[in-house]
Amino acid sequence: MKLINIGYGNVVLADKIVAIVSPDSAPIKRIVQDAKDKGSCIDATYGRRTRAVIITDSDHVILSAAQPETVANRLQDEEDDNV
């Protein structure tokens, strides 16, 4: 079980991550709004600006204040450590 730090002490199970994207595009904004409406959005920004949107295989959407590249690098580093 690999956990990835997404900022401010929050972690996500690495095996469940499907995508890590920027929140700037209209389709991603729609995905986030739909998740909020359904109650499947997890806001892990601690009131800061959302910089990364993490989509999981269970259709949960996680908002993070860390840059998408930072989260992706942490995920990649975790995979490299296990090789």
PDB file of N, CA and C in Angstrom:
ATOM      1  N   MET A   1       0.853  -1.178   0.000  1.00  0.00           N
ATOM      2  CA  MET A   1       0.000   0.000   0.000  1.00  0.00           C
ATOM      3  C   MET A   1       0.897   1.238   0.000  1.00  0.00           C
ATOM      4  N   LYS A   2       0.820   2.023  -1.076  1.00  0.00           N
ATOM      5  CA  LYS A   2       1.642   3.216  -1.221  1.00  0.00           C
ATOM      6  C   LYS A   2       0.773   4.452  -1.014  1.00  0.00           C
ATOM      7  N   LEU A   3       1.201   5.333  -0.142  1.00  0.00           N
ATOM      8  CA  LEU A   3       0.488   6.576   0.110  1.00  0.00           C
ATOM      9  C   LEU A   3       1.284   7.735  -0.468  1.00  0.00           C
ATOM     10  N   ILE A   4       0.585   8.668  -1.111  1.00  0.00           N
ATOM     11  CA  ILE A   4       1.214   9.826  -1.726  1.00  0.00           C
ATOM     12  C   ILE A   4       0.767  11.071  -0.980  1.00  0.00           C
ATOM     13  N   ASN A   5       1.725  11.882  -0.559  1.00  0.00           N
ATOM     14  CA  ASN A   5       1.430  13.137   0.131  1.00  0.00           C
ATOM     15  C   ASN A   5       0.921  14.146  -0.894  1.00  0.00           C
ATOM     16  N   ILE A   6      -0.283  14.700  -0.641  1.00  0.00           N
ATOM     17  CA  ILE A   6      -0.840  15.704  -1.556  1.00  0.00           C
ATOM     18  C   ILE A   6      -0.838  17.091  -0.928  1.00  0.00           C
ATOM     19  N   GLY A   7      -0.136  17.237   0.190  1.00  0.00           N
ATOM     20  CA  GLY A   7       0.005  18.535   0.830  1.00  0.00           C
ATOM     21  C   GLY A   7      -0.703  18.632   2.159  1.00  0.00           C
ATOM     22  N   TYR A   8      -0.081  19.365   3.085  1.00  0.00           N
ATOM     23  CA  TYR A   8      -0.645  19.653   4.405  1.00  0.00           C
ATOM     24  C   TYR A   8      -1.000  18.393   5.188  1.00  0.00           C
ATOM     25  N   GLY A   9      -0.177  17.370   5.043  1.00  0.00           N
ATOM     26  CA  GLY A   9      -0.368  16.147   5.809  1.00  0.00           C
ATOM     27  C   GLY A   9      -1.431  15.221   5.260  1.00  0.00           C
ATOM     28  N   ASN A  10      -1.996  15.529   4.115  1.00  0.00           N
ATOM     29  CA  ASN A  10      -3.011  14.676   3.494  1.00  0.00           C
ATOM     30  C   ASN A  10      -2.348  13.690   2.555  1.00  0.00           C
ATOM     31  N   VAL A  11      -2.849  12.469   2.547  1.00  0.00           N
ATOM     32  CA  VAL A  11      -2.288  11.435   1.683  1.00  0.00           C
ATOM     33  C   VAL A  11      -3.405  10.728   0.919  1.00  0.00           C
ATOM     34  N   VAL A  12      -3.028  10.190  -0.237  1.00  0.00           N
ATOM     35  CA  VAL A  12      -3.960   9.447  -1.089  1.00  0.00           C
ATOM     36  C   VAL A  12      -3.312   8.123  -1.420  1.00  0.00           C
ATOM     37  N   LEU A  13      -4.114   7.076  -1.496  1.00  0.00           N
ATOM     38  CA  LEU A  13      -3.617   5.765  -1.880  1.00  0.00           C
ATOM     39  C   LEU A  13      -3.208   5.807  -3.352  1.00  0.00           C
ATOM     40  N   ALA A  14      -1.947   5.552  -3.635  1.00  0.00           N
ATOM     41  CA  ALA A  14      -1.390   5.707  -4.980  1.00  0.00           C
ATOM     42  C   ALA A  14      -2.077   4.807  -5.999  1.00  0.00           C
ATOM     43  N   ASP A  15      -2.471   3.614  -5.594  1.00  0.00           N
ATOM     44  CA  ASP A  15      -3.082   2.667  -6.528  1.00  0.00           C
ATOM     45  C   ASP A  15      -4.451   3.120  -7.015  1.00  0.00           C
ATOM     46  N   LYS A  16      -5.075   4.056  -6.324  1.00  0.00           N
ATOM     47  CA  LYS A  16      -6.420   4.514  -6.686  1.00  0.00           C
ATOM     48  C   LYS A  16      -6.412   5.723  -7.610  1.00  0.00           C
ATOM     49  N   ILE A  17      -5.253   6.352  -7.816  1.00  0.00           N
ATOM     50  CA  ILE A  17      -5.180   7.563  -8.636  1.00  0.00           C
ATOM     51  C   ILE A  17      -5.281   7.203 -10.118  1.00  0.00           C
ATOM     52  N   VAL A  18      -6.221   7.871 -10.794  1.00  0.00           N
ATOM     53  CA  VAL A  18      -6.391   7.695 -12.229  1.00  0.00           C
ATOM     54  C   VAL A  18      -5.742   8.851 -12.973  1.00  0.00           C
ATOM     55  N   ALA A  19      -5.930  10.089 -12.462  1.00  0.00           N
ATOM     56  CA  ALA A  19      -5.385  11.253 -13.149  1.00  0.00           C
ATOM     57  C   ALA A  19      -5.068  12.355 -12.147  1.00  0.00           C
ATOM     58  N   ILE A  20      -4.057  13.155 -12.489  1.00  0.00           N
ATOM     59  CA  ILE A  20      -3.699  14.360 -11.734  1.00  0.00           C
ATOM     60  C   ILE A  20      -3.681  15.482 -12.759  1.00  0.00           C
ATOM     61  N   VAL A  21      -4.623  16.421 -12.640  1.00  0.00           N
ATOM     62  CA  VAL A  21      -4.785  17.450 -13.665  1.00  0.00           C
ATOM     63  C   VAL A  21      -4.859  18.839 -13.050  1.00  0.00           C
ATOM     64  N   SER A  22      -4.656  19.831 -13.892  1.00  0.00           N
ATOM     65  CA  SER A  22      -4.794  21.228 -13.498  1.00  0.00           C
ATOM     66  C   SER A  22      -6.275  21.600 -13.511  1.00  0.00           C
ATOM     67  N   PRO A  23      -6.707  22.461 -12.600  1.00  0.00           N
ATOM     68  CA  PRO A  23      -8.136  22.806 -12.507  1.00  0.00           C
ATOM     69  C   PRO A  23      -8.570  23.927 -13.449  1.00  0.00           C
ATOM     70  N   ASP A  24      -7.729  24.342 -14.381  1.00  0.00           N
ATOM     71  CA  ASP A  24      -7.987  25.537 -15.168  1.00  0.00           C
ATOM     72  C   ASP A  24      -8.974  25.354 -16.320  1.00  0.00           C
ATOM     73  N   SER A  25      -9.055  24.169 -16.898  1.00  0.00           N
ATOM     74  CA  SER A  25      -9.903  23.999 -18.075  1.00  0.00           C
ATOM     75  C   SER A  25     -11.376  23.837 -17.696  1.00  0.00           C
ATOM     76  N   ALA A  26     -12.237  24.202 -18.621  1.00  0.00           N
ATOM     77  CA  ALA A  26     -13.683  24.125 -18.387  1.00  0.00           C
ATOM     78  C   ALA A  26     -14.164  22.691 -18.111  1.00  0.00           C
ATOM     79  N   PRO A  27     -13.673  21.674 -18.844  1.00  0.00           N
ATOM     80  CA  PRO A  27     -14.124  20.309 -18.535  1.00  0.00           C
ATOM     81  C   PRO A  27     -13.769  19.856 -17.116  1.00  0.00           C
ATOM     82  N   ILE A  28     -12.598  20.245 -16.644  1.00  0.00           N
ATOM     83  CA  ILE A  28     -12.198  19.871 -15.284  1.00  0.00           C
ATOM     84  C   ILE A  28     -13.043  20.624 -14.268  1.00  0.00           C
ATOM     85  N   LYS A  29     -13.335  21.882 -14.536  1.00  0.00           N
ATOM     86  CA  LYS A  29     -14.216  22.644 -13.642  1.00  0.00           C
ATOM     87  C   LYS A  29     -15.587  21.992 -13.556  1.00  0.00           C
ATOM     88  N   ARG A  30     -16.093  21.458 -14.684  1.00  0.00           N
ATOM     89  CA  ARG A  30     -17.383  20.757 -14.675  1.00  0.00           C
ATOM     90  C   ARG A  30     -17.300  19.474 -13.857  1.00  0.00           C
ATOM     91  N   ILE A  31     -16.196  18.743 -14.005  1.00  0.00           N
ATOM     92  CA  ILE A  31     -16.012  17.514 -13.233  1.00  0.00           C
ATOM     93  C   ILE A  31     -16.011  17.822 -11.734  1.00  0.00           C
ATOM     94  N   VAL A  32     -15.302  18.876 -11.344  1.00  0.00           N
ATOM     95  CA  VAL A  32     -15.237  19.267  -9.928  1.00  0.00           C
ATOM     96  C   VAL A  32     -16.631  19.668  -9.431  1.00  0.00           C
ATOM     97  N   GLN A  33     -17.352  20.465 -10.209  1.00  0.00           N
ATOM     98  CA  GLN A  33     -18.681  20.906  -9.784  1.00  0.00           C
ATOM     99  C   GLN A  33     -19.647  19.729  -9.678  1.00  0.00           C
ATOM    100  N   ASP A  34     -19.584  18.807 -10.637  1.00  0.00           N
ATOM    101  CA  ASP A  34     -20.433  17.617 -10.573  1.00  0.00           C
ATOM    102  C   ASP A  34     -20.120  16.779  -9.336  1.00  0.00           C
ATOM    103  N   ALA A  35     -18.836  16.655  -9.006  1.00  0.00           N
ATOM    104  CA  ALA A  35     -18.435  15.895  -7.816  1.00  0.00           C
ATOM    105  C   ALA A  35     -18.933  16.582  -6.554  1.00  0.00           C
ATOM    106  N   LYS A  36     -18.875  17.912  -6.516  1.00  0.00           N
ATOM    107  CA  LYS A  36     -19.390  18.639  -5.353  1.00  0.00           C
ATOM    108  C   LYS A  36     -20.888  18.415  -5.209  1.00  0.00           C
ATOM    109  N   ASP A  37     -21.599  18.435  -6.324  1.00  0.00           N
ATOM    110  CA  ASP A  37     -23.049  18.220  -6.295  1.00  0.00           C
ATOM    111  C   ASP A  37     -23.401  16.814  -5.823  1.00  0.00           C
ATOM    112  N   LYS A  38     -22.596  15.823  -6.220  1.00  0.00           N
ATOM    113  CA  LYS A  38     -22.840  14.433  -5.828  1.00  0.00           C
ATOM    114  C   LYS A  38     -22.317  14.119  -4.428  1.00  0.00           C
ATOM    115  N   GLY A  39     -21.474  14.985  -3.898  1.00  0.00           N
ATOM    116  CA  GLY A  39     -20.887  14.733  -2.582  1.00  0.00           C
ATOM    117  C   GLY A  39     -19.655  13.852  -2.638  1.00  0.00           C
ATOM    118  N   SER A  40     -19.040  13.746  -3.801  1.00  0.00           N
ATOM    119  CA  SER A  40     -17.846  12.906  -3.925  1.00  0.00           C
ATOM    120  C   SER A  40     -16.583  13.732  -4.137  1.00  0.00           C
ATOM    121  N   CYS A  41     -16.624  14.995  -3.740  1.00  0.00           N
ATOM    122  CA  CYS A  41     -15.462  15.875  -3.839  1.00  0.00           C
ATOM    123  C   CYS A  41     -14.835  16.028  -2.460  1.00  0.00           C
ATOM    124  N   ILE A  42     -13.538  15.841  -2.384  1.00  0.00           N
ATOM    125  CA  ILE A  42     -12.798  15.981  -1.135  1.00  0.00           C
ATOM    126  C   ILE A  42     -11.869  17.176  -1.275  1.00  0.00           C
ATOM    127  N   ASP A  43     -12.093  18.196  -0.469  1.00  0.00           N
ATOM    128  CA  ASP A  43     -11.292  19.419  -0.539  1.00  0.00           C
ATOM    129  C   ASP A  43     -10.161  19.329   0.483  1.00  0.00           C
ATOM    130  N   ALA A  44      -8.940  19.127  -0.007  1.00  0.00           N
ATOM    131  CA  ALA A  44      -7.762  19.011   0.856  1.00  0.00           C
ATOM    132  C   ALA A  44      -6.854  20.227   0.693  1.00  0.00           C
ATOM    133  N   THR A  45      -7.450  21.387   0.375  1.00  0.00           N
ATOM    134  CA  THR A  45      -6.647  22.580   0.120  1.00  0.00           C
ATOM    135  C   THR A  45      -6.421  23.426   1.362  1.00  0.00           C
ATOM    136  N   TYR A  46      -7.152  23.167   2.429  1.00  0.00           N
ATOM    137  CA  TYR A  46      -7.056  23.965   3.657  1.00  0.00           C
ATOM    138  C   TYR A  46      -7.302  25.450   3.371  1.00  0.00           C
ATOM    139  N   GLY A  47      -8.253  25.728   2.490  1.00  0.00           N
ATOM    140  CA  GLY A  47      -8.629  27.097   2.192  1.00  0.00           C
ATOM    141  C   GLY A  47      -7.726  27.803   1.200  1.00  0.00           C
ATOM    142  N   ARG A  48      -6.747  27.121   0.712  1.00  0.00           N
ATOM    143  CA  ARG A  48      -5.846  27.726  -0.266  1.00  0.00           C
ATOM    144  C   ARG A  48      -6.354  27.467  -1.678  1.00  0.00           C
ATOM    145  N   ARG A  49      -5.681  28.066  -2.638  1.00  0.00           N
ATOM    146  CA  ARG A  49      -6.092  27.930  -4.033  1.00  0.00           C
ATOM    147  C   ARG A  49      -5.871  26.497  -4.526  1.00  0.00           C
ATOM    148  N   THR A  50      -6.853  25.970  -5.257  1.00  0.00           N
ATOM    149  CA  THR A  50      -6.732  24.634  -5.831  1.00  0.00           C
ATOM    150  C   THR A  50      -5.782  24.670  -7.006  1.00  0.00           C
ATOM    151  N   ARG A  51      -4.741  23.853  -6.937  1.00  0.00           N
ATOM    152  CA  ARG A  51      -3.756  23.808  -8.021  1.00  0.00           C
ATOM    153  C   ARG A  51      -3.723  22.466  -8.716  1.00  0.00           C
ATOM    154  N   ALA A  52      -4.245  21.425  -8.059  1.00  0.00           N
ATOM    155  CA  ALA A  52      -4.281  20.101  -8.679  1.00  0.00           C
ATOM    156  C   ALA A  52      -5.615  19.434  -8.351  1.00  0.00           C
ATOM    157  N   VAL A  53      -6.134  18.734  -9.328  1.00  0.00           N
ATOM    158  CA  VAL A  53      -7.343  17.943  -9.148  1.00  0.00           C
ATOM    159  C   VAL A  53      -6.935  16.492  -9.367  1.00  0.00           C
ATOM    160  N   ILE A  54      -7.201  15.662  -8.362  1.00  0.00           N
ATOM    161  CA  ILE A  54      -6.840  14.244  -8.430  1.00  0.00           C
ATOM    162  C   ILE A  54      -8.128  13.456  -8.590  1.00  0.00           C
ATOM    163  N   ILE A  55      -8.186  12.658  -9.638  1.00  0.00           N
ATOM    164  CA  ILE A  55      -9.365  11.841  -9.909  1.00  0.00           C
ATOM    165  C   ILE A  55      -9.013  10.397  -9.580  1.00  0.00           C
ATOM    166  N   THR A  56      -9.885   9.739  -8.819  1.00  0.00           N
ATOM    167  CA  THR A  56      -9.625   8.368  -8.382  1.00  0.00           C
ATOM    168  C   THR A  56     -10.494   7.382  -9.157  1.00  0.00           C
ATOM    169  N   ASP A  57     -10.170   6.108  -9.016  1.00  0.00           N
ATOM    170  CA  ASP A  57     -10.927   5.078  -9.728  1.00  0.00           C
ATOM    171  C   ASP A  57     -12.326   4.873  -9.153  1.00  0.00           C
ATOM    172  N   SER A  58     -12.596   5.426  -7.978  1.00  0.00           N
ATOM    173  CA  SER A  58     -13.931   5.333  -7.383  1.00  0.00           C
ATOM    174  C   SER A  58     -14.761   6.582  -7.687  1.00  0.00           C
ATOM    175  N   ASP A  59     -14.310   7.379  -8.662  1.00  0.00           N
ATOM    176  CA  ASP A  59     -14.976   8.618  -9.090  1.00  0.00           C
ATOM    177  C   ASP A  59     -14.997   9.691  -8.013  1.00  0.00           C
ATOM    178  N   HIS A  60     -14.099   9.608  -7.054  1.00  0.00           N
ATOM    179  CA  HIS A  60     -13.923  10.707  -6.110  1.00  0.00           C
ATOM    180  C   HIS A  60     -12.979  11.722  -6.742  1.00  0.00           C
ATOM    181  N   VAL A  61     -13.215  12.985  -6.429  1.00  0.00           N
ATOM    182  CA  VAL A  61     -12.374  14.061  -6.931  1.00  0.00           C
ATOM    183  C   VAL A  61     -11.749  14.733  -5.721  1.00  0.00           C
ATOM    184  N   ILE A  62     -10.423  14.807  -5.691  1.00  0.00           N
ATOM    185  CA  ILE A  62      -9.697  15.374  -4.562  1.00  0.00           C
ATOM    186  C   ILE A  62      -9.022  16.652  -5.021  1.00  0.00           C
ATOM    187  N   LEU A  63      -9.255  17.729  -4.283  1.00  0.00           N
ATOM    188  CA  LEU A  63      -8.647  19.021  -4.601  1.00  0.00           C
ATOM    189  C   LEU A  63      -7.421  19.204  -3.729  1.00  0.00           C
ATOM    190  N   SER A  64      -6.316  19.606  -4.339  1.00  0.00           N
ATOM    191  CA  SER A  64      -5.064  19.778  -3.618  1.00  0.00           C
ATOM    192  C   SER A  64      -4.478  21.154  -3.923  1.00  0.00           C
ATOM    193  N   ALA A  65      -3.783  21.724  -2.944  1.00  0.00           N
ATOM    194  CA  ALA A  65      -3.107  23.002  -3.132  1.00  0.00           C
ATOM    195  C   ALA A  65      -1.704  22.823  -3.706  1.00  0.00           C
ATOM    196  N   ALA A  66      -1.253  21.584  -3.841  1.00  0.00           N
ATOM    197  CA  ALA A  66       0.064  21.315  -4.430  1.00  0.00           C
ATOM    198  C   ALA A  66      -0.050  21.343  -5.958  1.00  0.00           C
ATOM    199  N   GLN A  67       1.038  21.687  -6.613  1.00  0.00           N
ATOM    200  CA  GLN A  67       1.067  21.700  -8.071  1.00  0.00           C
ATOM    201  C   GLN A  67       0.905  20.271  -8.607  1.00  0.00           C
ATOM    202  N   PRO A  68       0.244  20.107  -9.769  1.00  0.00           N
ATOM    203  CA  PRO A  68       0.108  18.759 -10.344  1.00  0.00           C
ATOM    204  C   PRO A  68       1.465  18.080 -10.572  1.00  0.00           C
ATOM    205  N   GLU A  69       2.462  18.867 -10.982  1.00  0.00           N
ATOM    206  CA  GLU A  69       3.790  18.298 -11.219  1.00  0.00           C
ATOM    207  C   GLU A  69       4.403  17.769  -9.925  1.00  0.00           C
ATOM    208  N   THR A  70       4.164  18.477  -8.826  1.00  0.00           N
ATOM    209  CA  THR A  70       4.693  18.050  -7.533  1.00  0.00           C
ATOM    210  C   THR A  70       4.081  16.720  -7.117  1.00  0.00           C
ATOM    211  N   VAL A  71       2.769  16.609  -7.236  1.00  0.00           N
ATOM    212  CA  VAL A  71       2.083  15.361  -6.865  1.00  0.00           C
ATOM    213  C   VAL A  71       2.548  14.232  -7.780  1.00  0.00           C
ATOM    214  N   ALA A  72       2.656  14.511  -9.075  1.00  0.00           N
ATOM    215  CA  ALA A  72       3.102  13.485 -10.023  1.00  0.00           C
ATOM    216  C   ALA A  72       4.532  13.043  -9.720  1.00  0.00           C
ATOM    217  N   ASN A  73       5.398  13.974  -9.372  1.00  0.00           N
ATOM    218  CA  ASN A  73       6.775  13.621  -9.018  1.00  0.00           C
ATOM    219  C   ASN A  73       6.821  12.752  -7.770  1.00  0.00           C
ATOM    220  N   ARG A  74       5.977  13.064  -6.791  1.00  0.00           N
ATOM    221  CA  ARG A  74       5.927  12.240  -5.574  1.00  0.00           C
ATOM    222  C   ARG A  74       5.440  10.837  -5.908  1.00  0.00           C
ATOM    223  N   LEU A  75       4.485  10.746  -6.813  1.00  0.00           N
ATOM    224  CA  LEU A  75       3.987   9.441  -7.239  1.00  0.00           C
ATOM    225  C   LEU A  75       5.082   8.677  -7.970  1.00  0.00           C
ATOM    226  N   GLN A  76       5.798   9.358  -8.850  1.00  0.00           N
ATOM    227  CA  GLN A  76       6.890   8.736  -9.595  1.00  0.00           C
ATOM    228  C   GLN A  76       8.022   8.306  -8.666  1.00  0.00           C
ATOM    229  N   ASP A  77       8.376   9.148  -7.697  1.00  0.00           N
ATOM    230  CA  ASP A  77       9.426   8.797  -6.736  1.00  0.00           C
ATOM    231  C   ASP A  77       9.044   7.565  -5.944  1.00  0.00           C
ATOM    232  N   GLU A  78       7.772   7.460  -5.573  1.00  0.00           N
ATOM    233  CA  GLU A  78       7.294   6.304  -4.826  1.00  0.00           C
ATOM    234  C   GLU A  78       7.431   5.036  -5.661  1.00  0.00           C
ATOM    235  N   GLU A  79       7.093   5.130  -6.955  1.00  0.00           N
ATOM    236  CA  GLU A  79       7.212   3.972  -7.837  1.00  0.00           C
ATOM    237  C   GLU A  79       8.677   3.592  -8.031  1.00  0.00           C
ATOM    238  N   ASP A  80       9.572   4.579  -8.140  1.00  0.00           N
ATOM    239  CA  ASP A  80      10.988   4.292  -8.306  1.00  0.00           C
ATOM    240  C   ASP A  80      11.575   3.599  -7.085  1.00  0.00           C
ATOM    241  N   ASP A  81      11.092   3.966  -5.905  1.00  0.00           N
ATOM    242  CA  ASP A  81      11.587   3.353  -4.671  1.00  0.00           C
ATOM    243  C   ASP A  81      11.211   1.887  -4.579  1.00  0.00           C
ATOM    244  N   ASN A  82      10.129   1.500  -5.218  1.00  0.00           N
ATOM    245  CA  ASN A  82       9.639   0.118  -5.128  1.00  0.00           C
ATOM    246  C   ASN A  82      10.188  -0.771  -6.225  1.00  0.00           C
ATOM    247  N   VAL A  83      11.014  -0.242  -7.110  1.00  0.00           N
ATOM    248  CA  VAL A  83      11.559  -1.065  -8.205  1.00  0.00           C
ATOM    249  C   VAL A  83      12.804  -1.765  -7.761  1.00  0.00           C
TER     250      VAL A  83
END
